Amino acid sequence: MFLKKDYATPGPGIDPNAPEKTGMARLLEILSLECAALLQLNLLFLVSCIPLVTIPAALMAMNQVVRKMVLDQPVLCFYHYRTAFCRYWKRGYAGFVLVVLPLVLSGCGIWFYLSRAASQPLFLAPFLLCSTVFLVTVLASTYLYGFLTTDRPVGVCLRLALILGIGRPMRAALAALSVYGTIAAAVLAFPISAIYLLFIGFSVPCLLGNFFIRTILKQFGGDSDEC
């Protein structure tokens, strides 16, 4: 069935005592098991973004559902997406502001100070500051949405995300490239990428981003999900 899966019945040929797969094998396993749910999730995300003002809540809901997939929890896509959208929309807006506002401000600062640094070297200092803020925000944002899928206070989630963004940058960089890089490339390739964006262009990058940071989030208690 497309909308419902029976998680009580073991699949044929699957050893329940087999060790959990890791790395690329685990990623491919998730993609194969959740391919229909990822397609449905992408469509739900796009539809719920149509009013534009609902984009933050839609991002939060998509991350909630994807975290369930990564944690190998049962997923009823429409139910869990709707539940997360209604329950965590405030956290979605908080996360959106905490990510977009510093990215926009630091991005404008980078452009402004870089264009003047050639004639006035003193502008290199604020340029480097804006560049650092931009980079740290990108790295920390991958962890932030992971922590926001738990019931921790937003302030605690932000603090942990900043610490990990600076202290564990490699996984965050992989997650950022998977999310921001692939979406940016697809948008730049539009309309050639229209079919890709419609069916998996947002849900799969979100899954990849959450997959790369899953072990670090687990170490810091980011593996619980109340949705």
C-alpha atoms as a PDB file:
ATOM      1  CA  MET A   1       0.000   0.000   0.000  1.00  0.00           C
ATOM      2  CA  PHE A   2       1.246   3.495  -0.837  1.00  0.00           C
ATOM      3  CA  LEU A   3       0.092   5.401   2.236  1.00  0.00           C
ATOM      4  CA  LYS A   4       0.495   2.731   4.897  1.00  0.00           C
ATOM      5  CA  LYS A   5       3.138   0.151   5.690  1.00  0.00           C
ATOM      6  CA  ASP A   6       2.850  -2.856   7.939  1.00  0.00           C
ATOM      7  CA  TYR A   7       5.732  -2.598  10.391  1.00  0.00           C
ATOM      8  CA  ALA A   8       4.580  -5.565  12.440  1.00  0.00           C
ATOM      9  CA  THR A   9       5.318  -8.144   9.746  1.00  0.00           C
ATOM     10  CA  PRO A  10       8.991  -8.925   9.009  1.00  0.00           C
ATOM     11  CA  GLY A  11       9.967  -8.697   5.366  1.00  0.00           C
ATOM     12  CA  PRO A  12      10.877 -11.852   3.487  1.00  0.00           C
ATOM     13  CA  GLY A  13      14.491 -12.894   3.765  1.00  0.00           C
ATOM     14  CA  ILE A  14      15.324 -10.343   6.508  1.00  0.00           C
ATOM     15  CA  ASP A  15      17.166 -11.725   9.510  1.00  0.00           C
ATOM     16  CA  PRO A  16      15.837  -9.934  12.611  1.00  0.00           C
ATOM     17  CA  ASN A  17      19.120 -10.680  14.413  1.00  0.00           C
ATOM     18  CA  ALA A  18      21.324  -9.297  11.649  1.00  0.00           C
ATOM     19  CA  PRO A  19      23.590  -6.402  12.709  1.00  0.00           C
ATOM     20  CA  GLU A  20      22.494  -2.935  11.651  1.00  0.00           C
ATOM     21  CA  LYS A  21      24.056  -1.738   8.430  1.00  0.00           C
ATOM     22  CA  THR A  22      26.215   1.350   8.473  1.00  0.00           C
ATOM     23  CA  GLY A  23      27.605   3.866   6.004  1.00  0.00           C
ATOM     24  CA  MET A  24      26.543   3.725   2.384  1.00  0.00           C
ATOM     25  CA  ALA A  25      24.844   0.348   2.859  1.00  0.00           C
ATOM     26  CA  ARG A  26      22.582   1.851   5.521  1.00  0.00           C
ATOM     27  CA  LEU A  27      21.823   4.903   3.373  1.00  0.00           C
ATOM     28  CA  LEU A  28      20.845   2.758   0.405  1.00  0.00           C
ATOM     29  CA  GLU A  29      18.704   0.611   2.690  1.00  0.00           C
ATOM     30  CA  ILE A  30      16.806   3.666   3.944  1.00  0.00           C
ATOM     31  CA  LEU A  31      16.329   4.977   0.418  1.00  0.00           C
ATOM     32  CA  SER A  32      14.987   1.634  -0.792  1.00  0.00           C
ATOM     33  CA  LEU A  33      12.634   1.178   2.166  1.00  0.00           C
ATOM     34  CA  GLU A  34      11.354   4.757   2.203  1.00  0.00           C
ATOM     35  CA  CYS A  35      11.324   5.615  -1.514  1.00  0.00           C
ATOM     36  CA  ALA A  36       7.529   5.897  -1.680  1.00  0.00           C
ATOM     37  CA  ALA A  37       7.402   7.894   1.569  1.00  0.00           C
ATOM     38  CA  LEU A  38      10.112  10.266   0.308  1.00  0.00           C
ATOM     39  CA  LEU A  39       8.146  10.924  -2.862  1.00  0.00           C
ATOM     40  CA  GLN A  40       4.984  11.569  -0.887  1.00  0.00           C
ATOM     41  CA  LEU A  41       6.894  13.741   1.597  1.00  0.00           C
ATOM     42  CA  ASN A  42       8.305  15.897  -1.194  1.00  0.00           C
ATOM     43  CA  LEU A  43       4.844  16.508  -2.619  1.00  0.00           C
ATOM     44  CA  LEU A  44       3.428  17.307   0.830  1.00  0.00           C
ATOM     45  CA  PHE A  45       6.256  19.749   1.435  1.00  0.00           C
ATOM     46  CA  LEU A  46       5.724  21.575  -1.860  1.00  0.00           C
ATOM     47  CA  VAL A  47       1.957  21.803  -1.408  1.00  0.00           C
ATOM     48  CA  SER A  48       2.264  23.115   2.140  1.00  0.00           C
ATOM     49  CA  CYS A  49       4.804  25.742   0.984  1.00  0.00           C
ATOM     50  CA  ILE A  50       2.396  27.292  -1.513  1.00  0.00           C
ATOM     51  CA  PRO A  51       1.209  30.059   0.869  1.00  0.00           C
ATOM     52  CA  LEU A  52       4.948  30.945   1.339  1.00  0.00           C
ATOM     53  CA  VAL A  53       4.400  32.018   4.952  1.00  0.00           C
ATOM     54  CA  THR A  54       4.126  28.327   5.849  1.00  0.00           C
ATOM     55  CA  ILE A  55       7.618  27.475   4.565  1.00  0.00           C
ATOM     56  CA  PRO A  56       9.209  27.470   8.070  1.00  0.00           C
ATOM     57  CA  ALA A  57       6.573  25.077   9.420  1.00  0.00           C
ATOM     58  CA  ALA A  58       6.889  22.898   6.317  1.00  0.00           C
ATOM     59  CA  LEU A  59      10.670  22.669   6.756  1.00  0.00           C
ATOM     60  CA  MET A  60      10.214  21.667  10.368  1.00  0.00           C
ATOM     61  CA  ALA A  61       7.647  19.010   9.494  1.00  0.00           C
ATOM     62  CA  MET A  62       9.819  17.545   6.739  1.00  0.00           C
ATOM     63  CA  ASN A  63      12.795  17.300   9.081  1.00  0.00           C
ATOM     64  CA  GLN A  64      10.608  15.607  11.695  1.00  0.00           C
ATOM     65  CA  VAL A  65       9.521  12.915   9.249  1.00  0.00           C
ATOM     66  CA  VAL A  66      13.009  12.414   7.840  1.00  0.00           C
ATOM     67  CA  ARG A  67      14.462  12.047  11.338  1.00  0.00           C
ATOM     68  CA  LYS A  68      12.039   9.187  11.927  1.00  0.00           C
ATOM     69  CA  MET A  69      13.322   7.481   8.787  1.00  0.00           C
ATOM     70  CA  VAL A  70      16.951   7.920   9.825  1.00  0.00           C
ATOM     71  CA  LEU A  71      16.188   6.589  13.319  1.00  0.00           C
ATOM     72  CA  ASP A  72      14.448   3.566  11.775  1.00  0.00           C
ATOM     73  CA  GLN A  73      11.096   4.479  13.306  1.00  0.00           C
ATOM     74  CA  PRO A  74       7.753   3.663  11.648  1.00  0.00           C
ATOM     75  CA  VAL A  75       6.633   6.435   9.296  1.00  0.00           C
ATOM     76  CA  LEU A  76       3.086   7.142   8.178  1.00  0.00           C
ATOM     77  CA  CYS A  77       4.022  10.055   6.001  1.00  0.00           C
ATOM     78  CA  PHE A  78       0.828  12.103   5.833  1.00  0.00           C
ATOM     79  CA  TYR A  79      -0.063  11.548   9.501  1.00  0.00           C
ATOM     80  CA  HIS A  80       3.379  12.346  10.892  1.00  0.00           C
ATOM     81  CA  TYR A  81       3.871  15.300   8.547  1.00  0.00           C
ATOM     82  CA  ARG A  82       0.507  16.827   9.458  1.00  0.00           C
ATOM     83  CA  THR A  83       1.113  16.209  13.162  1.00  0.00           C
ATOM     84  CA  ALA A  84       4.566  17.795  13.094  1.00  0.00           C
ATOM     85  CA  PHE A  85       3.315  20.722  10.999  1.00  0.00           C
ATOM     86  CA  CYS A  86       0.573  21.531  13.518  1.00  0.00           C
ATOM     87  CA  ARG A  87       2.541  20.776  16.671  1.00  0.00           C
ATOM     88  CA  TYR A  88       5.963  22.238  15.915  1.00  0.00           C
ATOM     89  CA  TRP A  89       5.191  25.219  13.685  1.00  0.00           C
ATOM     90  CA  LYS A  90       6.454  27.666  16.334  1.00  0.00           C
ATOM     91  CA  ARG A  91       9.794  25.850  16.503  1.00  0.00           C
ATOM     92  CA  GLY A  92       9.847  25.903  12.723  1.00  0.00           C
ATOM     93  CA  TYR A  93       9.570  29.680  12.637  1.00  0.00           C
ATOM     94  CA  ALA A  94      12.177  30.019  15.390  1.00  0.00           C
ATOM     95  CA  GLY A  95      14.617  27.800  13.500  1.00  0.00           C
ATOM     96  CA  PHE A  96      13.934  29.601  10.228  1.00  0.00           C
ATOM     97  CA  VAL A  97      14.652  33.028  11.736  1.00  0.00           C
ATOM     98  CA  LEU A  98      17.765  31.777  13.554  1.00  0.00           C
ATOM     99  CA  VAL A  99      19.174  30.460  10.271  1.00  0.00           C
ATOM    100  CA  VAL A 100      17.941  32.870   7.601  1.00  0.00           C
ATOM    101  CA  LEU A 101      18.485  36.149   9.452  1.00  0.00           C
ATOM    102  CA  PRO A 102      22.237  35.708  10.129  1.00  0.00           C
ATOM    103  CA  LEU A 103      22.750  34.210   6.662  1.00  0.00           C
ATOM    104  CA  VAL A 104      21.132  37.195   4.951  1.00  0.00           C
ATOM    105  CA  LEU A 105      22.840  39.805   7.132  1.00  0.00           C
ATOM    106  CA  SER A 106      26.285  38.204   6.940  1.00  0.00           C
ATOM    107  CA  GLY A 107      25.858  37.556   3.213  1.00  0.00           C
ATOM    108  CA  CYS A 108      25.075  41.227   2.604  1.00  0.00           C
ATOM    109  CA  GLY A 109      28.046  42.148   4.789  1.00  0.00           C
ATOM    110  CA  ILE A 110      30.355  39.885   2.777  1.00  0.00           C
ATOM    111  CA  TRP A 111      29.309  41.533  -0.478  1.00  0.00           C
ATOM    112  CA  PHE A 112      29.460  45.068   0.947  1.00  0.00           C
ATOM    113  CA  TYR A 113      32.878  44.840   2.624  1.00  0.00           C
ATOM    114  CA  LEU A 114      34.513  42.706  -0.067  1.00  0.00           C
ATOM    115  CA  SER A 115      33.630  45.247  -2.754  1.00  0.00           C
ATOM    116  CA  ARG A 116      35.428  47.941  -0.733  1.00  0.00           C
ATOM    117  CA  ALA A 117      38.338  45.911   0.647  1.00  0.00           C
ATOM    118  CA  ALA A 118      40.414  46.333  -2.522  1.00  0.00           C
ATOM    119  CA  SER A 119      40.602  50.111  -2.070  1.00  0.00           C
ATOM    120  CA  GLN A 120      40.468  50.139   1.737  1.00  0.00           C
ATOM    121  CA  PRO A 121      42.228  47.208   3.483  1.00  0.00           C
ATOM    122  CA  LEU A 122      40.535  48.073   6.791  1.00  0.00           C
ATOM    123  CA  PHE A 123      37.348  46.561   5.371  1.00  0.00           C
ATOM    124  CA  LEU A 124      39.000  43.118   5.432  1.00  0.00           C
ATOM    125  CA  ALA A 125      38.331  42.792   9.168  1.00  0.00           C
ATOM    126  CA  PRO A 126      34.518  43.119   8.965  1.00  0.00           C
ATOM    127  CA  PHE A 127      34.598  41.005   5.782  1.00  0.00           C
ATOM    128  CA  LEU A 128      36.297  38.177   7.665  1.00  0.00           C
ATOM    129  CA  LEU A 129      33.841  38.568  10.553  1.00  0.00           C
ATOM    130  CA  CYS A 130      30.840  38.341   8.210  1.00  0.00           C
ATOM    131  CA  SER A 131      32.399  35.350   6.430  1.00  0.00           C
ATOM    132  CA  THR A 132      32.891  33.567   9.755  1.00  0.00           C
ATOM    133  CA  VAL A 133      29.294  34.232  10.815  1.00  0.00           C
ATOM    134  CA  PHE A 134      28.043  32.953   7.460  1.00  0.00           C
ATOM    135  CA  LEU A 135      30.115  29.757   7.614  1.00  0.00           C
ATOM    136  CA  VAL A 136      29.263  28.993  11.245  1.00  0.00           C
ATOM    137  CA  THR A 137      25.564  29.555  10.555  1.00  0.00           C
ATOM    138  CA  VAL A 138      25.600  27.164   7.595  1.00  0.00           C
ATOM    139  CA  LEU A 139      27.356  24.449   9.621  1.00  0.00           C
ATOM    140  CA  ALA A 140      25.296  24.956  12.771  1.00  0.00           C
ATOM    141  CA  SER A 141      21.990  24.985  10.854  1.00  0.00           C
ATOM    142  CA  THR A 142      22.403  21.302   9.952  1.00  0.00           C
ATOM    143  CA  TYR A 143      22.565  20.397  13.635  1.00  0.00           C
ATOM    144  CA  LEU A 144      19.931  22.941  14.680  1.00  0.00           C
ATOM    145  CA  TYR A 145      17.075  21.320  12.784  1.00  0.00           C
ATOM    146  CA  GLY A 146      18.167  17.929  14.089  1.00  0.00           C
ATOM    147  CA  PHE A 147      17.928  19.141  17.691  1.00  0.00           C
ATOM    148  CA  LEU A 148      14.694  21.037  17.044  1.00  0.00           C
ATOM    149  CA  THR A 149      13.038  17.708  16.191  1.00  0.00           C
ATOM    150  CA  THR A 150      13.376  16.882  19.898  1.00  0.00           C
ATOM    151  CA  ASP A 151      11.488  18.630  22.693  1.00  0.00           C
ATOM    152  CA  ARG A 152      14.496  20.518  24.011  1.00  0.00           C
ATOM    153  CA  PRO A 153      14.095  24.289  24.462  1.00  0.00           C
ATOM    154  CA  VAL A 154      15.041  26.299  21.397  1.00  0.00           C
ATOM    155  CA  GLY A 155      17.833  28.077  23.270  1.00  0.00           C
ATOM    156  CA  VAL A 156      19.440  24.775  24.228  1.00  0.00           C
ATOM    157  CA  CYS A 157      19.110  23.526  20.648  1.00  0.00           C
ATOM    158  CA  LEU A 158      20.825  26.671  19.356  1.00  0.00           C
ATOM    159  CA  ARG A 159      23.674  26.398  21.859  1.00  0.00           C
ATOM    160  CA  LEU A 160      24.326  22.748  21.019  1.00  0.00           C
ATOM    161  CA  ALA A 161      24.111  23.457  17.285  1.00  0.00           C
ATOM    162  CA  LEU A 162      26.689  26.245  17.526  1.00  0.00           C
ATOM    163  CA  ILE A 163      29.044  24.103  19.619  1.00  0.00           C
ATOM    164  CA  LEU A 164      28.808  21.195  17.188  1.00  0.00           C
ATOM    165  CA  GLY A 165      28.967  23.413  14.117  1.00  0.00           C
ATOM    166  CA  ILE A 166      32.344  24.677  15.315  1.00  0.00           C
ATOM    167  CA  GLY A 167      33.547  21.511  17.050  1.00  0.00           C
ATOM    168  CA  ARG A 168      32.331  18.889  14.544  1.00  0.00           C
ATOM    169  CA  PRO A 169      32.445  20.718  11.212  1.00  0.00           C
ATOM    170  CA  MET A 170      33.184  17.796   8.863  1.00  0.00           C
ATOM    171  CA  ARG A 171      29.828  16.016   9.205  1.00  0.00           C
ATOM    172  CA  ALA A 172      28.080  19.386   9.172  1.00  0.00           C
ATOM    173  CA  ALA A 173      29.869  20.300   5.935  1.00  0.00           C
ATOM    174  CA  LEU A 174      28.748  17.036   4.309  1.00  0.00           C
ATOM    175  CA  ALA A 175      25.186  17.675   5.468  1.00  0.00           C
ATOM    176  CA  ALA A 176      25.279  21.277   4.231  1.00  0.00           C
ATOM    177  CA  LEU A 177      26.575  20.228   0.813  1.00  0.00           C
ATOM    178  CA  SER A 178      23.879  17.551   0.618  1.00  0.00           C
ATOM    179  CA  VAL A 179      21.088  19.994   1.431  1.00  0.00           C
ATOM    180  CA  TYR A 180      22.112  23.458   0.266  1.00  0.00           C
ATOM    181  CA  GLY A 181      24.413  22.293  -2.512  1.00  0.00           C
ATOM    182  CA  THR A 182      22.029  19.909  -4.235  1.00  0.00           C
ATOM    183  CA  ILE A 183      19.020  22.216  -3.918  1.00  0.00           C
ATOM    184  CA  ALA A 184      20.994  25.200  -5.229  1.00  0.00           C
ATOM    185  CA  ALA A 185      22.262  23.149  -8.176  1.00  0.00           C
ATOM    186  CA  ALA A 186      18.744  21.956  -8.978  1.00  0.00           C
ATOM    187  CA  VAL A 187      17.313  25.476  -8.785  1.00  0.00           C
ATOM    188  CA  LEU A 188      20.053  26.795 -11.072  1.00  0.00           C
ATOM    189  CA  ALA A 189      19.308  23.974 -13.531  1.00  0.00           C
ATOM    190  CA  PHE A 190      15.587  24.781 -13.623  1.00  0.00           C
ATOM    191  CA  PRO A 191      13.498  24.008 -15.724  1.00  0.00           C
ATOM    192  CA  ILE A 192      15.593  20.971 -16.645  1.00  0.00           C
ATOM    193  CA  SER A 193      15.442  19.853 -13.010  1.00  0.00           C
ATOM    194  CA  ALA A 194      11.691  20.470 -12.634  1.00  0.00           C
ATOM    195  CA  ILE A 195      10.753  16.776 -12.406  1.00  0.00           C
ATOM    196  CA  TYR A 196      13.523  16.117  -9.895  1.00  0.00           C
ATOM    197  CA  LEU A 197      12.442  19.060  -7.709  1.00  0.00           C
ATOM    198  CA  LEU A 198       8.811  17.996  -7.894  1.00  0.00           C
ATOM    199  CA  PHE A 199       9.294  14.408  -6.754  1.00  0.00           C
ATOM    200  CA  ILE A 200      12.480  14.144  -4.643  1.00  0.00           C
ATOM    201  CA  GLY A 201      14.332  17.451  -4.903  1.00  0.00           C
ATOM    202  CA  PHE A 202      13.743  18.443  -1.276  1.00  0.00           C
ATOM    203  CA  SER A 203      12.989  15.272   0.674  1.00  0.00           C
ATOM    204  CA  VAL A 204      16.071  13.327  -0.463  1.00  0.00           C
ATOM    205  CA  PRO A 205      18.565  16.170   0.278  1.00  0.00           C
ATOM    206  CA  CYS A 206      16.907  16.532   3.680  1.00  0.00           C
ATOM    207  CA  LEU A 207      17.357  12.804   4.258  1.00  0.00           C
ATOM    208  CA  LEU A 208      21.017  12.953   3.222  1.00  0.00           C
ATOM    209  CA  GLY A 209      21.678  15.889   5.545  1.00  0.00           C
ATOM    210  CA  ASN A 210      20.082  14.136   8.506  1.00  0.00           C
ATOM    211  CA  PHE A 211      21.863  10.901   7.668  1.00  0.00           C
ATOM    212  CA  PHE A 212      25.341  12.452   7.827  1.00  0.00           C
ATOM    213  CA  ILE A 213      24.793  13.996  11.274  1.00  0.00           C
ATOM    214  CA  ARG A 214      22.751  11.172  12.808  1.00  0.00           C
ATOM    215  CA  THR A 215      25.577   9.598  14.847  1.00  0.00           C
ATOM    216  CA  ILE A 216      26.729  12.919  16.309  1.00  0.00           C
ATOM    217  CA  LEU A 217      23.172  13.901  17.248  1.00  0.00           C
ATOM    218  CA  LYS A 218      22.769  10.526  18.931  1.00  0.00           C
ATOM    219  CA  GLN A 219      25.871  11.158  21.041  1.00  0.00           C
ATOM    220  CA  PHE A 220      24.355  14.403  22.295  1.00  0.00           C
ATOM    221  CA  GLY A 221      20.854  13.080  22.928  1.00  0.00           C
ATOM    222  CA  GLY A 222      19.333  14.158  19.631  1.00  0.00           C
ATOM    223  CA  ASP A 223      17.871  10.734  18.885  1.00  0.00           C
ATOM    224  CA  SER A 224      14.507  11.093  20.615  1.00  0.00           C
ATOM    225  CA  ASP A 225      11.415  12.040  18.692  1.00  0.00           C
ATOM    226  CA  GLU A 226       8.109  12.797  20.335  1.00  0.00           C
ATOM    227  CA  CYS A 227       6.165  13.457  17.129  1.00  0.00           C
END
